[in-house]
Protein backbone atom coordinates (compact mmCIF):
# COMPACT_ATOMS: atom_id res chain seq x y z
CA MET A 1 7.21 -2.73 -10.03
CA GLU A 2 4.49 -5.26 -10.66
CA THR A 3 6.26 -7.67 -8.30
CA VAL A 4 6.07 -5.14 -5.46
CA TYR A 5 2.35 -4.63 -6.11
CA GLN A 6 1.76 -8.39 -6.16
CA TYR A 7 3.74 -8.87 -2.94
CA CYS A 8 1.63 -6.21 -1.20
CA GLN A 9 -1.57 -7.89 -2.42
CA ASP A 10 -0.43 -11.33 -1.26
CA PHE A 11 0.75 -9.98 2.09
CA SER A 12 -2.59 -8.22 2.61
CA GLU A 13 -4.63 -11.33 1.77
CA LYS A 14 -2.46 -13.64 3.88
CA LEU A 15 -2.53 -11.50 7.01
CA GLY A 16 -5.84 -9.68 6.64
CA LEU A 17 -3.96 -6.38 6.94
CA ALA A 18 -5.07 -3.61 4.58
CA VAL A 19 -2.07 -2.67 2.40
CA ASP A 20 -2.59 0.20 -0.02
CA PHE A 21 0.19 0.24 -2.63
CA GLU A 22 0.47 3.09 -5.09
CA ALA A 23 3.15 3.71 -7.72
CA ALA A 24 3.46 6.84 -9.86
CA GLY A 25 5.87 7.79 -12.62
CA MET A 26 7.70 4.46 -12.51
CA THR A 27 6.66 2.99 -15.87
CA HIS A 28 9.09 5.04 -17.98
CA LEU A 29 12.12 4.29 -15.81
CA ASN A 30 14.64 1.62 -16.67
CA ILE A 31 15.59 0.49 -13.18
CA ASP A 32 18.70 -1.62 -12.77
CA HIS A 33 17.82 -5.23 -11.84
CA ASP A 34 19.80 -5.12 -8.57
CA ALA A 35 18.15 -1.82 -7.60
CA GLU A 36 14.72 -3.28 -8.36
CA ILE A 37 15.48 -6.22 -6.07
CA ASN A 38 16.62 -3.80 -3.34
CA ILE A 39 13.40 -1.76 -3.62
CA TYR A 40 11.39 -4.99 -3.42
CA ARG A 41 13.38 -6.04 -0.33
CA LEU A 42 12.80 -2.64 1.31
CA VAL A 43 9.04 -3.07 0.92
CA GLN A 44 9.27 -6.70 2.06
CA GLU A 45 11.28 -5.81 5.18
CA GLY A 46 9.04 -2.83 5.92
CA LEU A 47 5.96 -5.05 5.85
CA ALA A 48 7.68 -7.74 7.93
CA ASN A 49 8.53 -5.12 10.58
CA ILE A 50 4.93 -3.94 10.63
CA GLN A 51 3.70 -7.53 10.96
CA LYS A 52 6.08 -8.29 13.85
CA HIS A 53 5.96 -5.08 15.85
CA ALA A 54 3.29 -2.58 14.85
CA ALA A 55 -0.10 -4.20 15.55
CA ALA A 56 -1.33 -2.08 12.64
CA ASN A 57 -4.66 -2.20 10.84
CA ARG A 58 -3.61 -0.28 7.72
CA VAL A 59 -0.43 0.26 5.73
CA ALA A 60 0.12 2.75 2.93
CA ILE A 61 3.06 2.31 0.55
CA LYS A 62 3.84 4.87 -2.12
CA LEU A 63 6.59 4.51 -4.71
CA ILE A 64 6.98 7.68 -6.72
CA ALA A 65 9.44 8.79 -9.39
CA ALA A 66 10.06 12.48 -8.71
CA TYR A 67 13.10 13.49 -10.71
CA PRO A 68 15.91 13.32 -9.71
CA ASN A 69 14.80 10.80 -7.06
CA ILE A 70 12.61 7.83 -6.42
CA LEU A 71 10.64 8.20 -3.23
CA LEU A 72 9.41 5.27 -1.18
CA ARG A 73 7.08 5.95 1.72
CA ILE A 74 5.85 3.25 4.08
CA GLU A 75 3.33 4.26 6.74
CA ASP A 76 1.34 2.28 9.29
CA ASP A 77 -1.30 3.13 11.85
CA GLY A 78 0.20 0.81 14.45
CA LYS A 79 1.47 1.32 17.97
CA GLY A 80 4.66 3.15 16.98
CA PHE A 81 7.77 3.25 19.15
CA ASP A 82 10.13 5.60 20.95
CA LEU A 83 12.52 6.56 18.15
CA GLN A 84 15.09 8.21 20.43
CA LYS A 85 15.29 5.10 22.60
CA TRP A 86 15.67 2.93 19.50
CA LEU A 87 18.49 5.12 18.14
CA VAL A 88 20.39 4.80 21.42
CA ASN A 89 19.99 1.01 21.41
CA ILE A 90 20.97 0.41 17.75
CA PRO A 91 24.50 -0.87 18.49
CA GLY A 92 23.21 -3.67 20.75
CA GLU A 93 20.02 -4.33 18.83
CA LYS A 94 19.64 -7.99 17.85
CA ARG A 95 16.70 -7.41 15.53
CA MET A 96 17.89 -6.32 12.12
CA GLY A 97 14.70 -4.90 10.56
CA LEU A 98 15.12 -1.13 10.37
CA ARG A 99 18.89 -1.38 10.63
CA SER A 100 19.10 -3.65 7.58
CA MET A 101 16.74 -1.32 5.71
CA LYS A 102 19.04 1.62 6.49
CA GLU A 103 22.02 -0.37 5.17
CA ARG A 104 20.16 -1.30 1.97
CA VAL A 105 19.22 2.35 1.38
CA LYS A 106 22.83 3.36 1.96
CA LEU A 107 23.96 0.85 -0.70
CA LEU A 108 21.71 2.70 -3.16
CA ASN A 109 23.20 6.07 -2.08
CA GLY A 110 19.85 6.99 -0.61
CA VAL A 111 18.54 8.43 2.62
CA MET A 112 15.99 6.97 5.02
CA VAL A 113 14.14 9.01 7.62
CA ILE A 114 12.08 7.31 10.33
CA LYS A 115 9.26 9.06 12.16
CA SER A 116 7.48 7.28 14.98
CA ARG A 117 5.97 7.94 18.35
CA PRO A 118 4.23 5.55 20.73
CA GLY A 119 0.55 5.30 19.84
CA GLN A 120 0.97 7.20 16.55
CA GLY A 121 2.26 4.65 14.06
CA THR A 122 5.47 4.73 12.07
CA LYS A 123 6.44 6.46 8.83
CA LEU A 124 9.49 5.63 6.74
CA PHE A 125 10.62 8.08 4.09
CA ILE A 126 13.21 6.76 1.64
CA LYS A 127 14.81 8.87 -1.08
CA LEU A 128 16.88 7.12 -3.75
CA PRO A 129 18.74 9.00 -6.50
CA GLN A 130 17.52 7.85 -9.92
CA GLU A 131 20.97 8.16 -11.46
CA LYS A 132 22.27 5.46 -9.11
CA ILE A 133 19.54 2.94 -9.81
CA GLN A 134 18.79 3.27 -13.50
CA GLY A 135 20.08 0.68 -15.93
CA ASP A 136 22.34 1.32 -18.91
CA ASN A 137 19.52 2.39 -21.21
CA LYS A 138 18.52 5.43 -19.21
CA LYS A 139 15.26 7.10 -20.09
CA ASP A 140 14.52 10.54 -18.82
CA TYR A 141 10.80 10.38 -18.16
CA ARG A 142 10.62 14.20 -18.15
CA ASP A 143 10.64 14.01 -21.95
CA HIS A 144 7.44 11.93 -22.02
């Protein structure tokens, strides 16, 4: 997940937005290449959404292997939005940000939960099953 870390660093430097990336328990996992790209894209799209809409000062991203899942959490301290209103408008929504993230998570047999309220930032919680994203040479990190 070095590429995700580097992307967060570059994004932070380029925009002057504090991005705190933390990964735990990921080093012993053999993540399928396509799944790794999808995780990278989820972080990339999450940061792009924050840049475009949140007016945030800080972002925290945590990527944690917690058997049997991989958890990805993206939080910002930005302006937030009315989640109920957004859910009602999804079918006619032209912007693809969160919608495309939901589709990507679905491709990985995962679940994404969005929490946001105006003035209180946004939190994305993504849970991906390890069994669906590990490569052929599976390692069970619980043995290490």
